[in-house]
Every structure is written in structure tokens, then in C-alpha cells.
PDB file of N, CA and C in Angstrom:
ATOM      1  N   MET A   1      -9.108 -22.929  -1.933  1.00  0.00           N
ATOM      2  CA  MET A   1      -9.038 -21.454  -1.127  1.00  0.00           C
ATOM      3  C   MET A   1      -7.675 -20.791  -1.912  1.00  0.00           C
ATOM      4  N   ASN A   2      -7.766 -19.480  -2.259  1.00  0.00           N
ATOM      5  CA  ASN A   2      -7.177 -19.381  -3.361  1.00  0.00           C
ATOM      6  C   ASN A   2      -5.664 -18.506  -2.639  1.00  0.00           C
ATOM      7  N   THR A   3      -4.333 -19.337  -2.610  1.00  0.00           N
ATOM      8  CA  THR A   3      -3.336 -19.206  -2.046  1.00  0.00           C
ATOM      9  C   THR A   3      -2.857 -17.372  -2.387  1.00  0.00           C
ATOM     10  N   GLU A   4      -3.374 -16.685  -2.999  1.00  0.00           N
ATOM     11  CA  GLU A   4      -2.612 -15.278  -3.365  1.00  0.00           C
ATOM     12  C   GLU A   4      -3.767 -14.581  -2.593  1.00  0.00           C
ATOM     13  N   LEU A   5      -4.466 -15.053  -1.570  1.00  0.00           N
ATOM     14  CA  LEU A   5      -5.086 -14.238  -0.728  1.00  0.00           C
ATOM     15  C   LEU A   5      -4.744 -14.518   1.015  1.00  0.00           C
ATOM     16  N   ILE A   6      -4.765 -13.471   1.520  1.00  0.00           N
ATOM     17  CA  ILE A   6      -4.363 -13.569   3.210  1.00  0.00           C
ATOM     18  C   ILE A   6      -5.093 -12.934   3.905  1.00  0.00           C
ATOM     19  N   ILE A   7      -5.327 -13.963   4.893  1.00  0.00           N
ATOM     20  CA  ILE A   7      -6.911 -13.473   6.306  1.00  0.00           C
ATOM     21  C   ILE A   7      -6.274 -12.439   6.670  1.00  0.00           C
ATOM     22  N   ILE A   8      -6.935 -11.681   7.135  1.00  0.00           N
ATOM     23  CA  ILE A   8      -6.671 -10.382   7.634  1.00  0.00           C
ATOM     24  C   ILE A   8      -6.312 -10.701   9.200  1.00  0.00           C
ATOM     25  N   LYS A   9      -7.333 -11.361   9.455  1.00  0.00           N
ATOM     26  CA  LYS A   9      -7.240 -11.711  10.899  1.00  0.00           C
ATOM     27  C   LYS A   9      -5.829 -12.228  11.162  1.00  0.00           C
ATOM     28  N   GLU A  10      -5.457 -13.338  10.453  1.00  0.00           N
ATOM     29  CA  GLU A  10      -4.246 -13.880  10.358  1.00  0.00           C
ATOM     30  C   GLU A  10      -2.831 -13.165  10.638  1.00  0.00           C
ATOM     31  N   TYR A  11      -3.148 -12.194   9.724  1.00  0.00           N
ATOM     32  CA  TYR A  11      -1.636 -11.018   9.481  1.00  0.00           C
ATOM     33  C   TYR A  11      -2.177 -10.410  10.504  1.00  0.00           C
ATOM     34  N   CYS A  12      -2.949 -10.359  11.103  1.00  0.00           N
ATOM     35  CA  CYS A  12      -2.811  -9.089  11.954  1.00  0.00           C
ATOM     36  C   CYS A  12      -2.485 -10.003  13.825  1.00  0.00           C
ATOM     37  N   PHE A  13      -3.235 -10.965  13.526  1.00  0.00           N
ATOM     38  CA  PHE A  13      -2.625 -11.609  14.396  1.00  0.00           C
ATOM     39  C   PHE A  13      -0.967 -12.355  14.642  1.00  0.00           C
ATOM     40  N   GLN A  14      -0.013 -12.446  13.385  1.00  0.00           N
ATOM     41  CA  GLN A  14       1.438 -12.251  13.531  1.00  0.00           C
ATOM     42  C   GLN A  14       1.905 -11.316  13.406  1.00  0.00           C
ATOM     43  N   ASN A  15       1.800 -10.094  13.218  1.00  0.00           N
ATOM     44  CA  ASN A  15       1.982  -9.387  12.935  1.00  0.00           C
ATOM     45  C   ASN A  15       1.759  -8.222  14.005  1.00  0.00           C
ATOM     46  N   GLN A  16       0.967  -8.508  15.058  1.00  0.00           N
ATOM     47  CA  GLN A  16       0.416  -7.442  15.832  1.00  0.00           C
ATOM     48  C   GLN A  16      -0.052  -5.887  15.723  1.00  0.00           C
ATOM     49  N   ILE A  17      -0.831  -6.080  14.821  1.00  0.00           N
ATOM     50  CA  ILE A  17      -1.402  -5.008  13.814  1.00  0.00           C
ATOM     51  C   ILE A  17      -3.024  -5.227  14.556  1.00  0.00           C
ATOM     52  N   GLU A  18      -3.824  -3.915  14.579  1.00  0.00           N
ATOM     53  CA  GLU A  18      -4.934  -4.469  15.261  1.00  0.00           C
ATOM     54  C   GLU A  18      -6.079  -4.303  13.738  1.00  0.00           C
ATOM     55  N   PRO A  19      -6.666  -4.905  13.601  1.00  0.00           N
ATOM     56  CA  PRO A  19      -7.561  -5.069  12.488  1.00  0.00           C
ATOM     57  C   PRO A  19      -8.045  -4.036  12.085  1.00  0.00           C
ATOM     58  N   GLU A  20      -8.823  -2.922  12.683  1.00  0.00           N
ATOM     59  CA  GLU A  20      -9.079  -1.371  12.463  1.00  0.00           C
ATOM     60  C   GLU A  20      -8.178  -0.628  11.640  1.00  0.00           C
ATOM     61  N   PHE A  21      -6.861  -0.839  12.166  1.00  0.00           N
ATOM     62  CA  PHE A  21      -5.784   0.301  11.404  1.00  0.00           C
ATOM     63  C   PHE A  21      -6.223  -0.923   9.700  1.00  0.00           C
ATOM     64  N   ILE A  22      -6.279  -1.761   9.168  1.00  0.00           N
ATOM     65  CA  ILE A  22      -6.955  -2.138   7.913  1.00  0.00           C
ATOM     66  C   ILE A  22      -7.472  -1.843   7.276  1.00  0.00           C
ATOM     67  N   ILE A  23      -8.546  -1.535   8.169  1.00  0.00           N
ATOM     68  CA  ILE A  23     -10.297  -1.421   7.893  1.00  0.00           C
ATOM     69  C   ILE A  23      -9.535   0.330   7.606  1.00  0.00           C
ATOM     70  N   GLN A  24      -9.260   1.040   8.370  1.00  0.00           N
ATOM     71  CA  GLN A  24      -9.267   2.353   7.649  1.00  0.00           C
ATOM     72  C   GLN A  24      -8.301   2.449   6.315  1.00  0.00           C
ATOM     73  N   LEU A  25      -7.001   1.843   6.728  1.00  0.00           N
ATOM     74  CA  LEU A  25      -6.624   1.879   5.071  1.00  0.00           C
ATOM     75  C   LEU A  25      -7.438   1.654   3.943  1.00  0.00           C
ATOM     76  N   GLU A  26      -8.449   0.728   3.991  1.00  0.00           N
ATOM     77  CA  GLU A  26      -8.842   0.396   2.956  1.00  0.00           C
ATOM     78  C   GLU A  26     -10.582   1.314   3.009  1.00  0.00           C
ATOM     79  N   ASN A  27     -10.586   2.291   4.101  1.00  0.00           N
ATOM     80  CA  ASN A  27     -11.452   3.207   3.781  1.00  0.00           C
ATOM     81  C   ASN A  27     -10.984   4.126   3.347  1.00  0.00           C
ATOM     82  N   GLU A  28      -9.468   5.209   3.305  1.00  0.00           N
ATOM     83  CA  GLU A  28      -8.817   5.761   2.726  1.00  0.00           C
ATOM     84  C   GLU A  28      -8.793   5.023   1.387  1.00  0.00           C
ATOM     85  N   GLY A  29      -8.546   4.224   0.792  1.00  0.00           N
ATOM     86  CA  GLY A  29      -8.492   3.553  -0.332  1.00  0.00           C
ATOM     87  C   GLY A  29      -7.172   3.388  -0.698  1.00  0.00           C
ATOM     88  N   LEU A  30      -6.292   3.204   0.390  1.00  0.00           N
ATOM     89  CA  LEU A  30      -4.827   3.213   0.474  1.00  0.00           C
ATOM     90  C   LEU A  30      -3.918   1.353   0.013  1.00  0.00           C
ATOM     91  N   ILE A  31      -5.402   0.818   0.532  1.00  0.00           N
ATOM     92  CA  ILE A  31      -5.398  -1.505  -0.175  1.00  0.00           C
ATOM     93  C   ILE A  31      -6.967  -1.536  -0.181  1.00  0.00           C
ATOM     94  N   ASP A  32      -6.608  -2.507  -0.899  1.00  0.00           N
ATOM     95  CA  ASP A  32      -8.186  -3.359  -1.373  1.00  0.00           C
ATOM     96  C   ASP A  32      -8.416  -4.844  -0.568  1.00  0.00           C
ATOM     97  N   LEU A  33      -9.083  -4.180  -0.073  1.00  0.00           N
ATOM     98  CA  LEU A  33      -9.743  -5.868   1.028  1.00  0.00           C
ATOM     99  C   LEU A  33     -10.959  -6.526   0.166  1.00  0.00           C
ATOM    100  N   ARG A  34     -10.753  -7.889   0.152  1.00  0.00           N
ATOM    101  CA  ARG A  34     -11.722  -9.064  -0.409  1.00  0.00           C
ATOM    102  C   ARG A  34     -12.844  -9.482   0.493  1.00  0.00           C
ATOM    103  N   ILE A  35     -13.564  -9.751   0.657  1.00  0.00           N
ATOM    104  CA  ILE A  35     -14.748 -10.366   1.523  1.00  0.00           C
ATOM    105  C   ILE A  35     -15.466 -11.675   0.716  1.00  0.00           C
ATOM    106  N   ILE A  36     -14.639 -12.791   1.316  1.00  0.00           N
ATOM    107  CA  ILE A  36     -15.141 -14.133   0.966  1.00  0.00           C
ATOM    108  C   ILE A  36     -15.819 -14.511   2.191  1.00  0.00           C
ATOM    109  N   GLY A  37     -17.508 -14.879   1.836  1.00  0.00           N
ATOM    110  CA  GLY A  37     -17.882 -15.741   3.374  1.00  0.00           C
ATOM    111  C   GLY A  37     -17.755 -14.385   4.255  1.00  0.00           C
ATOM    112  N   GLU A  38     -16.996 -15.029   5.570  1.00  0.00           N
ATOM    113  CA  GLU A  38     -17.479 -13.652   6.519  1.00  0.00           C
ATOM    114  C   GLU A  38     -16.200 -13.543   6.810  1.00  0.00           C
ATOM    115  N   GLU A  39     -14.659 -13.527   6.093  1.00  0.00           N
ATOM    116  CA  GLU A  39     -13.764 -13.340   6.232  1.00  0.00           C
ATOM    117  C   GLU A  39     -13.082 -11.898   5.431  1.00  0.00           C
ATOM    118  N   GLN A  40     -11.910 -11.794   5.741  1.00  0.00           N
ATOM    119  CA  GLN A  40     -11.898 -10.390   5.192  1.00  0.00           C
ATOM    120  C   GLN A  40     -10.791 -10.855   4.813  1.00  0.00           C
ATOM    121  N   TYR A  41     -10.262 -10.301   3.357  1.00  0.00           N
ATOM    122  CA  TYR A  41      -8.611 -11.041   2.697  1.00  0.00           C
ATOM    123  C   TYR A  41      -8.201  -9.814   1.947  1.00  0.00           C
ATOM    124  N   ILE A  42      -6.874  -9.893   1.776  1.00  0.00           N
ATOM    125  CA  ILE A  42      -5.799  -8.841   1.517  1.00  0.00           C
ATOM    126  C   ILE A  42      -4.915  -9.809   0.272  1.00  0.00           C
ATOM    127  N   HIS A  43      -4.781  -9.535  -1.170  1.00  0.00           N
ATOM    128  CA  HIS A  43      -4.331 -10.113  -1.930  1.00  0.00           C
ATOM    129  C   HIS A  43      -2.349  -9.968  -1.669  1.00  0.00           C
ATOM    130  N   ILE A  44      -2.123 -10.754  -2.068  1.00  0.00           N
ATOM    131  CA  ILE A  44      -0.578 -10.977  -1.393  1.00  0.00           C
ATOM    132  C   ILE A  44       0.682  -9.835  -2.383  1.00  0.00           C
ATOM    133  N   SER A  45       0.077  -9.333  -3.214  1.00  0.00           N
ATOM    134  CA  SER A  45       0.765  -8.658  -4.486  1.00  0.00           C
ATOM    135  C   SER A  45       0.845  -7.451  -3.192  1.00  0.00           C
ATOM    136  N   GLN A  46      -0.369  -6.849  -1.839  1.00  0.00           N
ATOM    137  CA  GLN A  46      -0.655  -5.326  -1.406  1.00  0.00           C
ATOM    138  C   GLN A  46       0.158  -5.933   0.047  1.00  0.00           C
ATOM    139  N   LEU A  47       0.951  -6.882  -0.033  1.00  0.00           N
ATOM    140  CA  LEU A  47       1.171  -7.041   1.542  1.00  0.00           C
ATOM    141  C   LEU A  47       3.103  -6.276   2.148  1.00  0.00           C
ATOM    142  N   LYS A  48       3.427  -6.128   0.323  1.00  0.00           N
ATOM    143  CA  LYS A  48       4.751  -5.128   0.669  1.00  0.00           C
ATOM    144  C   LYS A  48       3.978  -3.528   1.073  1.00  0.00           C
ATOM    145  N   ARG A  49       3.040  -3.198   0.587  1.00  0.00           N
ATOM    146  CA  ARG A  49       2.471  -1.971   0.958  1.00  0.00           C
ATOM    147  C   ARG A  49       1.801  -1.869   2.492  1.00  0.00           C
ATOM    148  N   LEU A  50       1.465  -3.179   2.396  1.00  0.00           N
ATOM    149  CA  LEU A  50       0.718  -3.062   4.142  1.00  0.00           C
ATOM    150  C   LEU A  50       1.933  -3.058   4.838  1.00  0.00           C
ATOM    151  N   ASP A  51       2.824  -3.875   4.933  1.00  0.00           N
ATOM    152  CA  ASP A  51       3.480  -3.908   5.595  1.00  0.00           C
ATOM    153  C   ASP A  51       4.621  -2.446   5.911  1.00  0.00           C
ATOM    154  N   GLN A  52       4.773  -1.927   4.866  1.00  0.00           N
ATOM    155  CA  GLN A  52       5.132   0.072   4.939  1.00  0.00           C
ATOM    156  C   GLN A  52       4.716   0.312   5.824  1.00  0.00           C
ATOM    157  N   TYR A  53       2.959   0.810   4.880  1.00  0.00           N
ATOM    158  CA  TYR A  53       2.119   1.432   6.285  1.00  0.00           C
ATOM    159  C   TYR A  53       2.022   0.578   7.496  1.00  0.00           C
ATOM    160  N   ALA A  54       2.065   0.111   8.110  1.00  0.00           N
ATOM    161  CA  ALA A  54       2.125  -0.556   8.921  1.00  0.00           C
ATOM    162  C   ALA A  54       3.633  -0.080  10.220  1.00  0.00           C
ATOM    163  N   ARG A  55       4.937   0.128   9.197  1.00  0.00           N
ATOM    164  CA  ARG A  55       5.765  -0.064  10.071  1.00  0.00           C
ATOM    165  C   ARG A  55       5.582   1.594  10.148  1.00  0.00           C
ATOM    166  N   TRP A  56       5.092   2.522   9.252  1.00  0.00           N
ATOM    167  CA  TRP A  56       4.935   3.844   9.147  1.00  0.00           C
ATOM    168  C   TRP A  56       3.832   4.500  10.274  1.00  0.00           C
ATOM    169  N   HIS A  57       3.098   3.804  10.623  1.00  0.00           N
ATOM    170  CA  HIS A  57       2.431   4.046  11.840  1.00  0.00           C
ATOM    171  C   HIS A  57       2.632   3.852  13.153  1.00  0.00           C
ATOM    172  N   TYR A  58       3.340   2.725  13.011  1.00  0.00           N
ATOM    173  CA  TYR A  58       2.940   2.154  14.245  1.00  0.00           C
ATOM    174  C   TYR A  58       4.991   2.335  14.830  1.00  0.00           C
ATOM    175  N   ASP A  59       5.592   2.028  14.093  1.00  0.00           N
ATOM    176  CA  ASP A  59       7.064   2.603  13.976  1.00  0.00           C
ATOM    177  C   ASP A  59       7.465   4.477  14.408  1.00  0.00           C
ATOM    178  N   LEU A  60       6.575   5.000  13.515  1.00  0.00           N
ATOM    179  CA  LEU A  60       7.046   6.147  13.475  1.00  0.00           C
ATOM    180  C   LEU A  60       5.790   7.245  14.096  1.00  0.00           C
ATOM    181  N   SER A  61       4.652   6.418  14.494  1.00  0.00           N
ATOM    182  CA  SER A  61       3.437   7.072  15.226  1.00  0.00           C
ATOM    183  C   SER A  61       2.817   8.041  13.603  1.00  0.00           C
ATOM    184  N   ILE A  62       2.380   8.029  12.565  1.00  0.00           N
ATOM    185  CA  ILE A  62       2.244   8.901  11.207  1.00  0.00           C
ATOM    186  C   ILE A  62       0.631   7.990  11.256  1.00  0.00           C
ATOM    187  N   ASN A  63      -0.487   9.105  11.337  1.00  0.00           N
ATOM    188  CA  ASN A  63      -1.345   8.624  11.397  1.00  0.00           C
ATOM    189  C   ASN A  63      -2.279   7.962   9.629  1.00  0.00           C
ATOM    190  N   ILE A  64      -3.183   7.933   9.521  1.00  0.00           N
ATOM    191  CA  ILE A  64      -3.753   7.338   8.244  1.00  0.00           C
ATOM    192  C   ILE A  64      -3.287   8.100   7.661  1.00  0.00           C
ATOM    193  N   GLU A  65      -3.799   9.868   8.090  1.00  0.00           N
ATOM    194  CA  GLU A  65      -4.070  10.686   7.032  1.00  0.00           C
ATOM    195  C   GLU A  65      -2.605  11.409   6.401  1.00  0.00           C
ATOM    196  N   GLY A  66      -1.723  10.907   6.826  1.00  0.00           N
ATOM    197  CA  GLY A  66      -0.578  11.075   7.038  1.00  0.00           C
ATOM    198  C   GLY A  66      -0.015  10.320   6.297  1.00  0.00           C
ATOM    199  N   ILE A  67      -0.122   9.076   5.970  1.00  0.00           N
ATOM    200  CA  ILE A  67       0.132   8.024   5.177  1.00  0.00           C
ATOM    201  C   ILE A  67      -0.219   8.643   4.102  1.00  0.00           C
ATOM    202  N   ASP A  68      -1.443   8.525   4.019  1.00  0.00           N
ATOM    203  CA  ASP A  68      -2.183   9.116   2.740  1.00  0.00           C
ATOM    204  C   ASP A  68      -1.342   9.584   2.068  1.00  0.00           C
ATOM    205  N   VAL A  69      -1.294  11.258   3.021  1.00  0.00           N
ATOM    206  CA  VAL A  69      -0.422  12.137   1.890  1.00  0.00           C
ATOM    207  C   VAL A  69       1.480  11.469   1.445  1.00  0.00           C
ATOM    208  N   ILE A  70       1.901  10.905   2.508  1.00  0.00           N
ATOM    209  CA  ILE A  70       3.260  10.299   1.823  1.00  0.00           C
ATOM    210  C   ILE A  70       3.176   9.359   0.669  1.00  0.00           C
ATOM    211  N   GLN A  71       1.784   8.576   0.177  1.00  0.00           N
ATOM    212  CA  GLN A  71       1.788   7.713  -0.439  1.00  0.00           C
ATOM    213  C   GLN A  71       1.553   8.206  -1.886  1.00  0.00           C
ATOM    214  N   ASN A  72       1.014   9.633  -1.563  1.00  0.00           N
ATOM    215  CA  ASN A  72       0.520  10.379  -3.028  1.00  0.00           C
ATOM    216  C   ASN A  72       2.102  10.693  -2.966  1.00  0.00           C
ATOM    217  N   LEU A  73       2.502  11.338  -2.543  1.00  0.00           N
ATOM    218  CA  LEU A  73       4.194  12.027  -2.614  1.00  0.00           C
ATOM    219  C   LEU A  73       4.942  10.836  -3.132  1.00  0.00           C
ATOM    220  N   LEU A  74       4.954   9.759  -2.663  1.00  0.00           N
ATOM    221  CA  LEU A  74       5.773   8.974  -3.437  1.00  0.00           C
ATOM    222  C   LEU A  74       5.325   8.524  -4.977  1.00  0.00           C
ATOM    223  N   ASN A  75       3.916   8.002  -5.151  1.00  0.00           N
ATOM    224  CA  ASN A  75       3.445   7.915  -6.345  1.00  0.00           C
ATOM    225  C   ASN A  75       3.791   9.589  -7.213  1.00  0.00           C
ATOM    226  N   ARG A  76       4.066  10.583  -6.629  1.00  0.00           N
ATOM    227  CA  ARG A  76       3.987  11.676  -7.914  1.00  0.00           C
ATOM    228  C   ARG A  76       5.644  11.921  -8.123  1.00  0.00           C
ATOM    229  N   ILE A  77       6.604  11.077  -7.297  1.00  0.00           N
ATOM    230  CA  ILE A  77       7.789  11.425  -7.511  1.00  0.00           C
ATOM    231  C   ILE A  77       7.995  10.740  -8.298  1.00  0.00           C
ATOM    232  N   ASP A  78       7.403   8.808  -7.894  1.00  0.00           N
ATOM    233  CA  ASP A  78       7.535   7.942  -9.223  1.00  0.00           C
ATOM    234  C   ASP A  78       6.900   8.248 -10.491  1.00  0.00           C
ATOM    235  N   ASP A  79       5.956   9.109 -10.887  1.00  0.00           N
ATOM    236  CA  ASP A  79       5.616   9.638 -12.006  1.00  0.00           C
ATOM    237  C   ASP A  79       6.904  10.676 -12.910  1.00  0.00           C
ATOM    238  N   MET A  80       6.570  11.256 -12.023  1.00  0.00           N
ATOM    239  CA  MET A  80       8.449  12.344 -12.372  1.00  0.00           C
ATOM    240  C   MET A  80       8.991  11.787 -12.644  1.00  0.00           C
ATOM    241  N   GLN A  81      10.078  11.610 -11.774  1.00  0.00           N
ATOM    242  CA  GLN A  81      10.958  10.357 -12.199  1.00  0.00           C
ATOM    243  C   GLN A  81      10.700   9.394 -13.716  1.00  0.00           C
ATOM    244  N   LYS A  82       9.656   8.963 -13.848  1.00  0.00           N
ATOM    245  CA  LYS A  82       8.924   7.983 -15.240  1.00  0.00           C
ATOM    246  C   LYS A  82       9.181   9.283 -16.416  1.00  0.00           C
ATOM    247  N   GLU A  83       8.716  10.818 -16.446  1.00  0.00           N
ATOM    248  CA  GLU A  83       8.830  11.382 -16.995  1.00  0.00           C
ATOM    249  C   GLU A  83       9.894  11.776 -17.354  1.00  0.00           C
ATOM    250  N   ILE A  84      11.072  12.179 -16.506  1.00  0.00           N
ATOM    251  CA  ILE A  84      12.553  12.833 -16.516  1.00  0.00           C
ATOM    252  C   ILE A  84      13.031  11.617 -17.392  1.00  0.00           C
ATOM    253  N   LEU A  85      12.840  10.170 -17.432  1.00  0.00           N
ATOM    254  CA  LEU A  85      13.658   9.309 -17.846  1.00  0.00           C
ATOM    255  C   LEU A  85      13.115   9.359 -19.490  1.00  0.00           C
ATOM    256  N   HIS A  86      11.518   9.303 -19.868  1.00  0.00           N
ATOM    257  CA  HIS A  86      10.788   9.764 -20.912  1.00  0.00           C
ATOM    258  C   HIS A  86      11.837  10.307 -22.001  1.00  0.00           C
ATOM    259  N   LEU A  87      11.674  11.785 -21.532  1.00  0.00           N
ATOM    260  CA  LEU A  87      12.100  13.238 -21.780  1.00  0.00           C
ATOM    261  C   LEU A  87      13.733  12.433 -21.920  1.00  0.00           C
ATOM    262  N   ARG A  88      14.688  11.985 -21.495  1.00  0.00           N
ATOM    263  CA  ARG A  88      15.484  12.241 -21.572  1.00  0.00           C
ATOM    264  C   ARG A  88      16.068  10.794 -23.238  1.00  0.00           C
ATOM    265  N   GLU A  89      15.393  10.211 -23.189  1.00  0.00           N
ATOM    266  CA  GLU A  89      14.788   9.285 -24.468  1.00  0.00           C
ATOM    267  C   GLU A  89      15.098  10.263 -25.484  1.00  0.00           C
ATOM    268  N   ARG A  90      13.983  10.722 -25.270  1.00  0.00           N
ATOM    269  CA  ARG A  90      13.382  11.801 -26.708  1.00  0.00           C
ATOM    270  C   ARG A  90      14.866  12.624 -26.673  1.00  0.00           C
ATOM    271  N   LEU A  91      15.160  13.365 -25.960  1.00  0.00           N
ATOM    272  CA  LEU A  91      16.546  13.665 -26.214  1.00  0.00           C
ATOM    273  C   LEU A  91      17.536  13.362 -26.444  1.00  0.00           C
ATOM    274  N   ARG A  92      17.933  12.371 -27.263  1.00  0.00           N
ATOM    275  CA  ARG A  92      18.685  11.348 -27.004  1.00  0.00           C
ATOM    276  C   ARG A  92      18.299  11.358 -28.538  1.00  0.00           C
ATOM    277  N   LEU A  93      17.374  11.008 -28.759  1.00  0.00           N
ATOM    278  CA  LEU A  93      16.549  10.627 -30.828  1.00  0.00           C
ATOM    279  C   LEU A  93      16.760  11.887 -31.169  1.00  0.00           C
ATOM    280  N   ILE A  94      17.263  13.292 -30.456  1.00  0.00           N
ATOM    281  CA  ILE A  94      17.410  14.570 -31.057  1.00  0.00           C
ATOM    282  C   ILE A  94      18.512  14.667 -31.752  1.00  0.00           C
ATOM    283  N   ASP A  95      19.190  14.377 -30.413  1.00  0.00           N
ATOM    284  CA  ASP A  95      20.802  14.275 -30.696  1.00  0.00           C
ATOM    285  C   ASP A  95      21.402  14.071 -31.889  1.00  0.00           C
TER     286      ASP A  95
END
């Protein structure tokens, strides 16, 4: 079995998370699940994001739609920061 995949049922059991929450995240396009046989898996590279979403949902009571909005805003901020760095580099070349 691929060691980079985590079984959703085990993740949910260990972290006391409802499997339906993870399904809703996938339905919103926030994470990608893989189905192999009868089991659903998540790639280890997505665990940081999944943990963040779970904290927002369970600790802060943010619904799935709110998580989607927050993630979109964070992505936009990241893109803007990259653009600012790029523009600063271009300005340095001009000076």
C-alpha cells in the first residue's frame, strides 16, 4: 500500500472528526480524496490543510462555506504577496 495515503476512517477516528465533514470538504473542492477499493484516502500532502480546516470547523464553529471563503482569501493574499515580491525585484533592476 502507498505510504503517502492516509485512510479517512482512521484519520477521523484518531482525530475525532466526522467522516461527513471530510466528504463536504471534498464536495467544495477544498481537498481531494482517492478511492481505492472500498476505502477513501487522502494524500499526506493535504494533511496540513485538512488539520487547519478541522480546527476552523470544530474549534471556531466555521461552516464549510466559511472555510471555502477563508481559503480563497488566503490564496489571494498569497498571490498578492508573490506579485509584490516580483514587482520589488523589477524595481531593483530598474534602479
